[in-house]
Amino acid sequence: GLLPVRDRCGEADLFGRVLQATRIGVADEIAAAASLVIGEGA
């Protein structure tokens, strides 16, 4: 249901510079956020 990597290359940063290599591992970021609730123990 989602693209696991969000490609932001070609977008501009705060100073108008074009992003050249910014790809966000969004699926991993979401999984990491959820793990704060899911936990590792009991």
PDB file of all heavy atoms in Angstrom:
ATOM      1  N   GLY A   1       0.773  -1.233   0.000  1.00  0.00           N
ATOM      2  CA  GLY A   1       0.000   0.000   0.000  1.00  0.00           C
ATOM      3  C   GLY A   1       0.799   1.275   0.000  1.00  0.00           C
ATOM      4  O   GLY A   1       0.213   2.358  -0.088  1.00  0.00           O
ATOM      5  N   LEU A   2       2.128   1.179   0.074  1.00  0.00           N
ATOM      6  CA  LEU A   2       2.949   2.387   0.057  1.00  0.00           C
ATOM      7  C   LEU A   2       4.270   2.113  -0.637  1.00  0.00           C
ATOM      8  O   LEU A   2       4.727   0.969  -0.704  1.00  0.00           O
ATOM      9  CB  LEU A   2       3.209   2.908   1.471  1.00  0.00           C
ATOM     10  CG  LEU A   2       4.293   2.228   2.332  1.00  0.00           C
ATOM     11  CD1 LEU A   2       4.611   3.095   3.531  1.00  0.00           C
ATOM     12  CD2 LEU A   2       3.915   0.836   2.771  1.00  0.00           C
ATOM     13  N   LEU A   3       4.879   3.181  -1.159  1.00  0.00           N
ATOM     14  CA  LEU A   3       6.243   3.098  -1.645  1.00  0.00           C
ATOM     15  C   LEU A   3       7.158   3.166  -0.431  1.00  0.00           C
ATOM     16  O   LEU A   3       7.103   4.136   0.331  1.00  0.00           O
ATOM     17  CB  LEU A   3       6.552   4.252  -2.593  1.00  0.00           C
ATOM     18  CG  LEU A   3       5.878   4.216  -3.975  1.00  0.00           C
ATOM     19  CD1 LEU A   3       6.182   5.503  -4.732  1.00  0.00           C
ATOM     20  CD2 LEU A   3       6.336   3.001  -4.774  1.00  0.00           C
ATOM     21  N   PRO A   4       8.008   2.159  -0.205  1.00  0.00           N
ATOM     22  CA  PRO A   4       8.805   2.144   1.017  1.00  0.00           C
ATOM     23  C   PRO A   4       9.898   3.201   1.052  1.00  0.00           C
ATOM     24  O   PRO A   4      10.388   3.556   2.120  1.00  0.00           O
ATOM     25  CB  PRO A   4       9.390   0.739   1.039  1.00  0.00           C
ATOM     26  CG  PRO A   4       9.440   0.323  -0.384  1.00  0.00           C
ATOM     27  CD  PRO A   4       8.232   0.951  -1.020  1.00  0.00           C
ATOM     28  N   VAL A   5      10.290   3.693  -0.118  1.00  0.00           N
ATOM     29  CA  VAL A   5      11.291   4.758  -0.211  1.00  0.00           C
ATOM     30  C   VAL A   5      10.625   5.966  -0.857  1.00  0.00           C
ATOM     31  O   VAL A   5       9.990   5.845  -1.910  1.00  0.00           O
ATOM     32  CB  VAL A   5      12.513   4.321  -1.032  1.00  0.00           C
ATOM     33  CG1 VAL A   5      13.510   5.472  -1.173  1.00  0.00           C
ATOM     34  CG2 VAL A   5      13.188   3.114  -0.387  1.00  0.00           C
ATOM     35  N   ARG A   6      10.782   7.123  -0.228  1.00  0.00           N
ATOM     36  CA  ARG A   6      10.211   8.354  -0.774  1.00  0.00           C
ATOM     37  C   ARG A   6      11.339   9.171  -1.389  1.00  0.00           C
ATOM     38  O   ARG A   6      12.211   9.692  -0.693  1.00  0.00           O
ATOM     39  CB  ARG A   6       9.506   9.146   0.330  1.00  0.00           C
ATOM     40  CG  ARG A   6       8.721  10.334  -0.193  1.00  0.00           C
ATOM     41  CD  ARG A   6       7.744  10.829   0.869  1.00  0.00           C
ATOM     42  NE  ARG A   6       6.995  11.956   0.356  1.00  0.00           N
ATOM     43  CZ  ARG A   6       7.042  13.190   0.859  1.00  0.00           C
ATOM     44  NH1 ARG A   6       7.786  13.437   1.921  1.00  0.00           N
ATOM     45  NH2 ARG A   6       6.340  14.164   0.328  1.00  0.00           N
ATOM     46  N   ASP A   7      11.332   9.273  -2.702  1.00  0.00           N
ATOM     47  CA  ASP A   7      12.397   9.964  -3.436  1.00  0.00           C
ATOM     48  C   ASP A   7      12.100  11.456  -3.493  1.00  0.00           C
ATOM     49  O   ASP A   7      11.109  11.887  -4.092  1.00  0.00           O
ATOM     50  CB  ASP A   7      12.483   9.382  -4.846  1.00  0.00           C
ATOM     51  CG  ASP A   7      13.723   9.866  -5.599  1.00  0.00           C
ATOM     52  OD1 ASP A   7      14.364  10.834  -5.134  1.00  0.00           O
ATOM     53  OD2 ASP A   7      14.040   9.271  -6.642  1.00  0.00           O
ATOM     54  N   ARG A   8      12.965  12.255  -2.874  1.00  0.00           N
ATOM     55  CA  ARG A   8      12.769  13.706  -2.856  1.00  0.00           C
ATOM     56  C   ARG A   8      13.789  14.434  -3.727  1.00  0.00           C
ATOM     57  O   ARG A   8      13.880  15.667  -3.680  1.00  0.00           O
ATOM     58  CB  ARG A   8      12.821  14.219  -1.414  1.00  0.00           C
ATOM     59  CG  ARG A   8      11.778  13.551  -0.523  1.00  0.00           C
ATOM     60  CD  ARG A   8      11.549  14.305   0.752  1.00  0.00           C
ATOM     61  NE  ARG A   8      10.966  15.613   0.509  1.00  0.00           N
ATOM     62  CZ  ARG A   8      10.710  16.507   1.472  1.00  0.00           C
ATOM     63  NH1 ARG A   8      10.976  16.204   2.736  1.00  0.00           N
ATOM     64  NH2 ARG A   8      10.203  17.681   1.169  1.00  0.00           N
ATOM     65  N   CYS A   9      14.549  13.655  -4.493  1.00  0.00           N
ATOM     66  CA  CYS A   9      15.495  14.279  -5.411  1.00  0.00           C
ATOM     67  C   CYS A   9      14.751  15.186  -6.387  1.00  0.00           C
ATOM     68  O   CYS A   9      13.697  14.836  -6.910  1.00  0.00           O
ATOM     69  CB  CYS A   9      16.272  13.218  -6.191  1.00  0.00           C
ATOM     70  SG  CYS A   9      17.335  12.196  -5.153  1.00  0.00           S
ATOM     71  N   GLY A  10      15.315  16.368  -6.620  1.00  0.00           N
ATOM     72  CA  GLY A  10      14.679  17.333  -7.498  1.00  0.00           C
ATOM     73  C   GLY A  10      13.859  18.379  -6.766  1.00  0.00           C
ATOM     74  O   GLY A  10      13.524  19.421  -7.339  1.00  0.00           O
ATOM     75  N   GLU A  11      13.521  18.110  -5.494  1.00  0.00           N
ATOM     76  CA  GLU A  11      12.830  19.112  -4.695  1.00  0.00           C
ATOM     77  C   GLU A  11      13.840  20.146  -4.187  1.00  0.00           C
ATOM     78  O   GLU A  11      15.042  19.903  -4.174  1.00  0.00           O
ATOM     79  CB  GLU A  11      12.104  18.460  -3.522  1.00  0.00           C
ATOM     80  CG  GLU A  11      11.029  17.472  -3.925  1.00  0.00           C
ATOM     81  CD  GLU A  11      10.328  16.869  -2.720  1.00  0.00           C
ATOM     82  OE1 GLU A  11      10.310  17.533  -1.652  1.00  0.00           O
ATOM     83  OE2 GLU A  11       9.818  15.742  -2.833  1.00  0.00           O
ATOM     84  N   ALA A  12      13.332  21.285  -3.762  1.00  0.00           N
ATOM     85  CA  ALA A  12      14.204  22.343  -3.256  1.00  0.00           C
ATOM     86  C   ALA A  12      14.251  22.315  -1.737  1.00  0.00           C
ATOM     87  O   ALA A  12      13.261  21.988  -1.072  1.00  0.00           O
ATOM     88  CB  ALA A  12      13.707  23.705  -3.733  1.00  0.00           C
ATOM     89  N   ASP A  13      15.429  22.663  -1.173  1.00  0.00           N
ATOM     90  CA  ASP A  13      15.524  22.796   0.278  1.00  0.00           C
ATOM     91  C   ASP A  13      15.110  24.214   0.688  1.00  0.00           C
ATOM     92  O   ASP A  13      14.615  24.996  -0.140  1.00  0.00           O
ATOM     93  CB  ASP A  13      16.941  22.435   0.765  1.00  0.00           C
ATOM     94  CG  ASP A  13      18.011  23.445   0.347  1.00  0.00           C
ATOM     95  OD1 ASP A  13      17.667  24.525  -0.195  1.00  0.00           O
ATOM     96  OD2 ASP A  13      19.204  23.165   0.570  1.00  0.00           O
ATOM     97  N   LEU A  14      15.332  24.574   1.960  1.00  0.00           N
ATOM     98  CA  LEU A  14      14.905  25.878   2.460  1.00  0.00           C
ATOM     99  C   LEU A  14      15.587  27.044   1.747  1.00  0.00           C
ATOM    100  O   LEU A  14      15.070  28.176   1.734  1.00  0.00           O
ATOM    101  CB  LEU A  14      15.197  25.972   3.966  1.00  0.00           C
ATOM    102  CG  LEU A  14      14.291  25.140   4.885  1.00  0.00           C
ATOM    103  CD1 LEU A  14      14.827  25.162   6.301  1.00  0.00           C
ATOM    104  CD2 LEU A  14      12.859  25.664   4.836  1.00  0.00           C
ATOM    105  N   PHE A  15      16.758  26.779   1.166  1.00  0.00           N
ATOM    106  CA  PHE A  15      17.505  27.841   0.505  1.00  0.00           C
ATOM    107  C   PHE A  15      17.408  27.758  -1.016  1.00  0.00           C
ATOM    108  O   PHE A  15      18.159  28.434  -1.725  1.00  0.00           O
ATOM    109  CB  PHE A  15      18.974  27.786   0.953  1.00  0.00           C
ATOM    110  CG  PHE A  15      19.157  28.025   2.421  1.00  0.00           C
ATOM    111  CD1 PHE A  15      19.197  26.965   3.308  1.00  0.00           C
ATOM    112  CD2 PHE A  15      19.237  29.319   2.934  1.00  0.00           C
ATOM    113  CE1 PHE A  15      19.346  27.174   4.663  1.00  0.00           C
ATOM    114  CE2 PHE A  15      19.384  29.540   4.291  1.00  0.00           C
ATOM    115  CZ  PHE A  15      19.435  28.473   5.169  1.00  0.00           C
ATOM    116  N   GLY A  16      16.500  26.919  -1.489  1.00  0.00           N
ATOM    117  CA  GLY A  16      16.280  26.829  -2.921  1.00  0.00           C
ATOM    118  C   GLY A  16      17.234  25.894  -3.640  1.00  0.00           C
ATOM    119  O   GLY A  16      17.148  25.771  -4.874  1.00  0.00           O
ATOM    120  N   ARG A  17      18.142  25.248  -2.910  1.00  0.00           N
ATOM    121  CA  ARG A  17      19.042  24.295  -3.562  1.00  0.00           C
ATOM    122  C   ARG A  17      18.298  23.004  -3.863  1.00  0.00           C
ATOM    123  O   ARG A  17      17.488  22.540  -3.064  1.00  0.00           O
ATOM    124  CB  ARG A  17      20.257  24.020  -2.672  1.00  0.00           C
ATOM    125  CG  ARG A  17      21.223  25.202  -2.551  1.00  0.00           C
ATOM    126  CD  ARG A  17      22.495  24.806  -1.817  1.00  0.00           C
ATOM    127  NE  ARG A  17      22.247  24.561  -0.405  1.00  0.00           N
ATOM    128  CZ  ARG A  17      22.391  25.482   0.547  1.00  0.00           C
ATOM    129  NH1 ARG A  17      22.807  26.705   0.230  1.00  0.00           N
ATOM    130  NH2 ARG A  17      22.147  25.194   1.807  1.00  0.00           N
ATOM    131  N   VAL A  18      18.602  22.425  -5.006  1.00  0.00           N
ATOM    132  CA  VAL A  18      17.911  21.215  -5.438  1.00  0.00           C
ATOM    133  C   VAL A  18      18.518  19.999  -4.738  1.00  0.00           C
ATOM    134  O   VAL A  18      19.742  19.816  -4.729  1.00  0.00           O
ATOM    135  CB  VAL A  18      18.003  21.050  -6.967  1.00  0.00           C
ATOM    136  CG1 VAL A  18      17.367  19.732  -7.404  1.00  0.00           C
ATOM    137  CG2 VAL A  18      17.321  22.225  -7.665  1.00  0.00           C
ATOM    138  N   LEU A  19      17.659  19.193  -4.131  1.00  0.00           N
ATOM    139  CA  LEU A  19      18.119  17.977  -3.462  1.00  0.00           C
ATOM    140  C   LEU A  19      18.637  16.992  -4.497  1.00  0.00           C
ATOM    141  O   LEU A  19      17.965  16.704  -5.486  1.00  0.00           O
ATOM    142  CB  LEU A  19      16.984  17.354  -2.655  1.00  0.00           C
ATOM    143  CG  LEU A  19      16.377  18.239  -1.555  1.00  0.00           C
ATOM    144  CD1 LEU A  19      15.188  17.546  -0.906  1.00  0.00           C
ATOM    145  CD2 LEU A  19      17.418  18.592  -0.504  1.00  0.00           C
ATOM    146  N   GLN A  20      19.829  16.451  -4.253  1.00  0.00           N
ATOM    147  CA  GLN A  20      20.478  15.575  -5.226  1.00  0.00           C
ATOM    148  C   GLN A  20      20.431  14.097  -4.833  1.00  0.00           C
ATOM    149  O   GLN A  20      20.475  13.232  -5.711  1.00  0.00           O
ATOM    150  CB  GLN A  20      21.951  15.983  -5.391  1.00  0.00           C
ATOM    151  CG  GLN A  20      22.148  17.417  -5.850  1.00  0.00           C
ATOM    152  CD  GLN A  20      21.670  17.638  -7.277  1.00  0.00           C
ATOM    153  OE1 GLN A  20      21.800  16.769  -8.135  1.00  0.00           O
ATOM    154  NE2 GLN A  20      21.114  18.816  -7.527  1.00  0.00           N
ATOM    155  N   ALA A  21      20.380  13.787  -3.557  1.00  0.00           N
ATOM    156  CA  ALA A  21      20.510  12.389  -3.130  1.00  0.00           C
ATOM    157  C   ALA A  21      19.630  12.064  -1.930  1.00  0.00           C
ATOM    158  O   ALA A  21      19.951  11.176  -1.144  1.00  0.00           O
ATOM    159  CB  ALA A  21      21.970  12.084  -2.799  1.00  0.00           C
ATOM    160  N   THR A  22      18.508  12.756  -1.793  1.00  0.00           N
ATOM    161  CA  THR A  22      17.667  12.578  -0.618  1.00  0.00           C
ATOM    162  C   THR A  22      16.554  11.592  -0.901  1.00  0.00           C
ATOM    163  O   THR A  22      15.587  11.897  -1.603  1.00  0.00           O
ATOM    164  CB  THR A  22      17.071  13.930  -0.164  1.00  0.00           C
ATOM    165  OG1 THR A  22      18.136  14.857   0.073  1.00  0.00           O
ATOM    166  CG2 THR A  22      16.254  13.760   1.103  1.00  0.00           C
ATOM    167  N   ARG A  23      16.727  10.407  -0.374  1.00  0.00           N
ATOM    168  CA  ARG A  23      15.704   9.369  -0.473  1.00  0.00           C
ATOM    169  C   ARG A  23      15.390   8.897   0.946  1.00  0.00           C
ATOM    170  O   ARG A  23      16.288   8.489   1.662  1.00  0.00           O
ATOM    171  CB  ARG A  23      16.180   8.217  -1.357  1.00  0.00           C
ATOM    172  CG  ARG A  23      16.377   8.628  -2.812  1.00  0.00           C
ATOM    173  CD  ARG A  23      16.940   7.493  -3.651  1.00  0.00           C
ATOM    174  NE  ARG A  23      17.072   7.886  -5.045  1.00  0.00           N
ATOM    175  CZ  ARG A  23      18.126   8.525  -5.559  1.00  0.00           C
ATOM    176  NH1 ARG A  23      19.149   8.830  -4.756  1.00  0.00           N
ATOM    177  NH2 ARG A  23      18.154   8.857  -6.826  1.00  0.00           N
ATOM    178  N   ILE A  24      14.139   8.965   1.331  1.00  0.00           N
ATOM    179  CA  ILE A  24      13.724   8.688   2.701  1.00  0.00           C
ATOM    180  C   ILE A  24      13.231   7.245   2.803  1.00  0.00           C
ATOM    181  O   ILE A  24      12.345   6.832   2.049  1.00  0.00           O
ATOM    182  CB  ILE A  24      12.588   9.640   3.140  1.00  0.00           C
ATOM    183  CG1 ILE A  24      12.941  11.098   2.811  1.00  0.00           C
ATOM    184  CG2 ILE A  24      12.295   9.456   4.619  1.00  0.00           C
ATOM    185  CD1 ILE A  24      14.176  11.606   3.475  1.00  0.00           C
ATOM    186  N   GLY A  25      13.779   6.480   3.722  1.00  0.00           N
ATOM    187  CA  GLY A  25      13.294   5.120   3.983  1.00  0.00           C
ATOM    188  C   GLY A  25      12.045   5.175   4.837  1.00  0.00           C
ATOM    189  O   GLY A  25      12.047   4.783   6.008  1.00  0.00           O
ATOM    190  N   VAL A  26      10.955   5.636   4.229  1.00  0.00           N
ATOM    191  CA  VAL A  26       9.754   5.967   4.987  1.00  0.00           C
ATOM    192  C   VAL A  26       9.155   4.738   5.674  1.00  0.00           C
ATOM    193  O   VAL A  26       8.653   4.837   6.803  1.00  0.00           O
ATOM    194  CB  VAL A  26       8.720   6.682   4.082  1.00  0.00           C
ATOM    195  CG1 VAL A  26       8.257   5.787   2.953  1.00  0.00           C
ATOM    196  CG2 VAL A  26       7.538   7.174   4.886  1.00  0.00           C
ATOM    197  N   ALA A  27       9.209   3.575   5.032  1.00  0.00           N
ATOM    198  CA  ALA A  27       8.650   2.375   5.674  1.00  0.00           C
ATOM    199  C   ALA A  27       9.424   2.023   6.940  1.00  0.00           C
ATOM    200  O   ALA A  27       8.831   1.613   7.946  1.00  0.00           O
ATOM    201  CB  ALA A  27       8.649   1.204   4.697  1.00  0.00           C
ATOM    202  N   ASP A  28      10.732   2.196   6.912  1.00  0.00           N
ATOM    203  CA  ASP A  28      11.529   1.947   8.122  1.00  0.00           C
ATOM    204  C   ASP A  28      11.231   2.985   9.194  1.00  0.00           C
ATOM    205  O   ASP A  28      11.174   2.663  10.396  1.00  0.00           O
ATOM    206  CB  ASP A  28      13.019   1.963   7.788  1.00  0.00           C
ATOM    207  CG  ASP A  28      13.497   0.674   7.144  1.00  0.00           C
ATOM    208  OD1 ASP A  28      12.773  -0.340   7.200  1.00  0.00           O
ATOM    209  OD2 ASP A  28      14.607   0.682   6.575  1.00  0.00           O
ATOM    210  N   GLU A  29      11.062   4.244   8.793  1.00  0.00           N
ATOM    211  CA  GLU A  29      10.748   5.282   9.778  1.00  0.00           C
ATOM    212  C   GLU A  29       9.420   4.991  10.475  1.00  0.00           C
ATOM    213  O   GLU A  29       9.295   5.146  11.695  1.00  0.00           O
ATOM    214  CB  GLU A  29      10.701   6.651   9.101  1.00  0.00           C
ATOM    215  CG  GLU A  29      12.063   7.160   8.653  1.00  0.00           C
ATOM    216  CD  GLU A  29      12.024   8.616   8.214  1.00  0.00           C
ATOM    217  OE1 GLU A  29      10.981   9.037   7.663  1.00  0.00           O
ATOM    218  OE2 GLU A  29      13.015   9.323   8.417  1.00  0.00           O
ATOM    219  N   ILE A  30       8.423   4.553   9.702  1.00  0.00           N
ATOM    220  CA  ILE A  30       7.114   4.250  10.280  1.00  0.00           C
ATOM    221  C   ILE A  30       7.214   3.026  11.183  1.00  0.00           C
ATOM    222  O   ILE A  30       6.635   2.994  12.275  1.00  0.00           O
ATOM    223  CB  ILE A  30       6.074   4.055   9.162  1.00  0.00           C
ATOM    224  CG1 ILE A  30       5.844   5.386   8.422  1.00  0.00           C
ATOM    225  CG2 ILE A  30       4.761   3.536   9.735  1.00  0.00           C
ATOM    226  CD1 ILE A  30       5.012   5.264   7.169  1.00  0.00           C
ATOM    227  N   ALA A  31       7.957   2.011  10.743  1.00  0.00           N
ATOM    228  CA  ALA A  31       8.133   0.814  11.563  1.00  0.00           C
ATOM    229  C   ALA A  31       8.825   1.157  12.877  1.00  0.00           C
ATOM    230  O   ALA A  31       8.464   0.629  13.942  1.00  0.00           O
ATOM    231  CB  ALA A  31       8.933  -0.235  10.797  1.00  0.00           C
ATOM    232  N   ALA A  32       9.831   2.024  12.823  1.00  0.00           N
ATOM    233  CA  ALA A  32      10.543   2.420  14.037  1.00  0.00           C
ATOM    234  C   ALA A  32       9.625   3.168  14.992  1.00  0.00           C
ATOM    235  O   ALA A  32       9.664   2.947  16.211  1.00  0.00           O
ATOM    236  CB  ALA A  32      11.756   3.279  13.675  1.00  0.00           C
ATOM    237  N   ALA A  33       8.779   4.046  14.458  1.00  0.00           N
ATOM    238  CA  ALA A  33       7.830   4.765  15.317  1.00  0.00           C
ATOM    239  C   ALA A  33       6.884   3.789  16.000  1.00  0.00           C
ATOM    240  O   ALA A  33       6.639   3.879  17.211  1.00  0.00           O
ATOM    241  CB  ALA A  33       7.053   5.785  14.489  1.00  0.00           C
ATOM    242  N   ALA A  34       6.374   2.833  15.250  1.00  0.00           N
ATOM    243  CA  ALA A  34       5.429   1.869  15.813  1.00  0.00           C
ATOM    244  C   ALA A  34       6.079   1.006  16.880  1.00  0.00           C
ATOM    245  O   ALA A  34       5.420   0.599  17.850  1.00  0.00           O
ATOM    246  CB  ALA A  34       4.855   0.994  14.703  1.00  0.00           C
ATOM    247  N   SER A  35       7.382   0.730  16.730  1.00  0.00           N
ATOM    248  CA  SER A  35       8.056  -0.157  17.691  1.00  0.00           C
ATOM    249  C   SER A  35       8.113   0.458  19.082  1.00  0.00           C
ATOM    250  O   SER A  35       8.262  -0.267  20.075  1.00  0.00           O
ATOM    251  CB  SER A  35       9.466  -0.498  17.201  1.00  0.00           C
ATOM    252  OG  SER A  35      10.339   0.611  17.305  1.00  0.00           O
ATOM    253  N   LEU A  36       7.980   1.772  19.199  1.00  0.00           N
ATOM    254  CA  LEU A  36       7.936   2.403  20.511  1.00  0.00           C
ATOM    255  C   LEU A  36       6.710   1.958  21.295  1.00  0.00           C
ATOM    256  O   LEU A  36       6.712   1.980  22.540  1.00  0.00           O
ATOM    257  CB  LEU A  36       7.945   3.924  20.367  1.00  0.00           C
ATOM    258  CG  LEU A  36       9.218   4.532  19.774  1.00  0.00           C
ATOM    259  CD1 LEU A  36       9.009   6.018  19.496  1.00  0.00           C
ATOM    260  CD2 LEU A  36      10.398   4.321  20.707  1.00  0.00           C
ATOM    261  N   VAL A  37       5.658   1.568  20.585  1.00  0.00           N
ATOM    262  CA  VAL A  37       4.436   1.081  21.227  1.00  0.00           C
ATOM    263  C   VAL A  37       4.400  -0.437  21.264  1.00  0.00           C
ATOM    264  O   VAL A  37       4.015  -1.043  22.258  1.00  0.00           O
ATOM    265  CB  VAL A  37       3.194   1.635  20.479  1.00  0.00           C
ATOM    266  CG1 VAL A  37       1.925   0.889  20.885  1.00  0.00           C
ATOM    267  CG2 VAL A  37       3.029   3.114  20.759  1.00  0.00           C
ATOM    268  N   ILE A  38       4.831  -1.075  20.166  1.00  0.00           N
ATOM    269  CA  ILE A  38       4.793  -2.538  20.097  1.00  0.00           C
ATOM    270  C   ILE A  38       5.749  -3.147  21.115  1.00  0.00           C
ATOM    271  O   ILE A  38       5.426  -4.125  21.779  1.00  0.00           O
ATOM    272  CB  ILE A  38       5.118  -3.013  18.663  1.00  0.00           C
ATOM    273  CG1 ILE A  38       3.968  -2.633  17.724  1.00  0.00           C
ATOM    274  CG2 ILE A  38       5.377  -4.506  18.615  1.00  0.00           C
ATOM    275  CD1 ILE A  38       4.247  -2.900  16.245  1.00  0.00           C
ATOM    276  N   GLY A  39       6.933  -2.587  21.243  1.00  0.00           N
ATOM    277  CA  GLY A  39       7.874  -3.031  22.256  1.00  0.00           C
ATOM    278  C   GLY A  39       8.598  -4.308  21.890  1.00  0.00           C
ATOM    279  O   GLY A  39       8.434  -4.868  20.807  1.00  0.00           O
ATOM    280  N   GLU A  40       9.432  -4.785  22.851  1.00  0.00           N
ATOM    281  CA  GLU A  40      10.287  -5.941  22.611  1.00  0.00           C
ATOM    282  C   GLU A  40      10.098  -7.049  23.643  1.00  0.00           C
ATOM    283  O   GLU A  40      10.577  -8.160  23.446  1.00  0.00           O
ATOM    284  CB  GLU A  40      11.762  -5.507  22.657  1.00  0.00           C
ATOM    285  CG  GLU A  40      12.159  -4.558  21.556  1.00  0.00           C
ATOM    286  CD  GLU A  40      12.141  -5.237  20.202  1.00  0.00           C
ATOM    287  OE1 GLU A  40      12.386  -6.435  20.116  1.00  0.00           O
ATOM    288  OE2 GLU A  40      11.853  -4.530  19.221  1.00  0.00           O
ATOM    289  N   GLY A  41       9.432  -6.751  24.732  1.00  0.00           N
ATOM    290  CA  GLY A  41       9.339  -7.716  25.822  1.00  0.00           C
ATOM    291  C   GLY A  41       7.942  -8.241  26.024  1.00  0.00           C
ATOM    292  O   GLY A  41       7.373  -8.916  25.179  1.00  0.00           O
ATOM    293  N   ALA A  42       7.354  -7.919  27.191  1.00  0.00           N
ATOM    294  CA  ALA A  42       6.065  -8.482  27.579  1.00  0.00           C
ATOM    295  C   ALA A  42       4.909  -7.511  27.339  1.00  0.00           C
ATOM    296  O   ALA A  42       3.850  -7.638  27.959  1.00  0.00           O
ATOM    297  CB  ALA A  42       6.111  -8.880  29.051  1.00  0.00           C
TER     298      ALA A  42
END
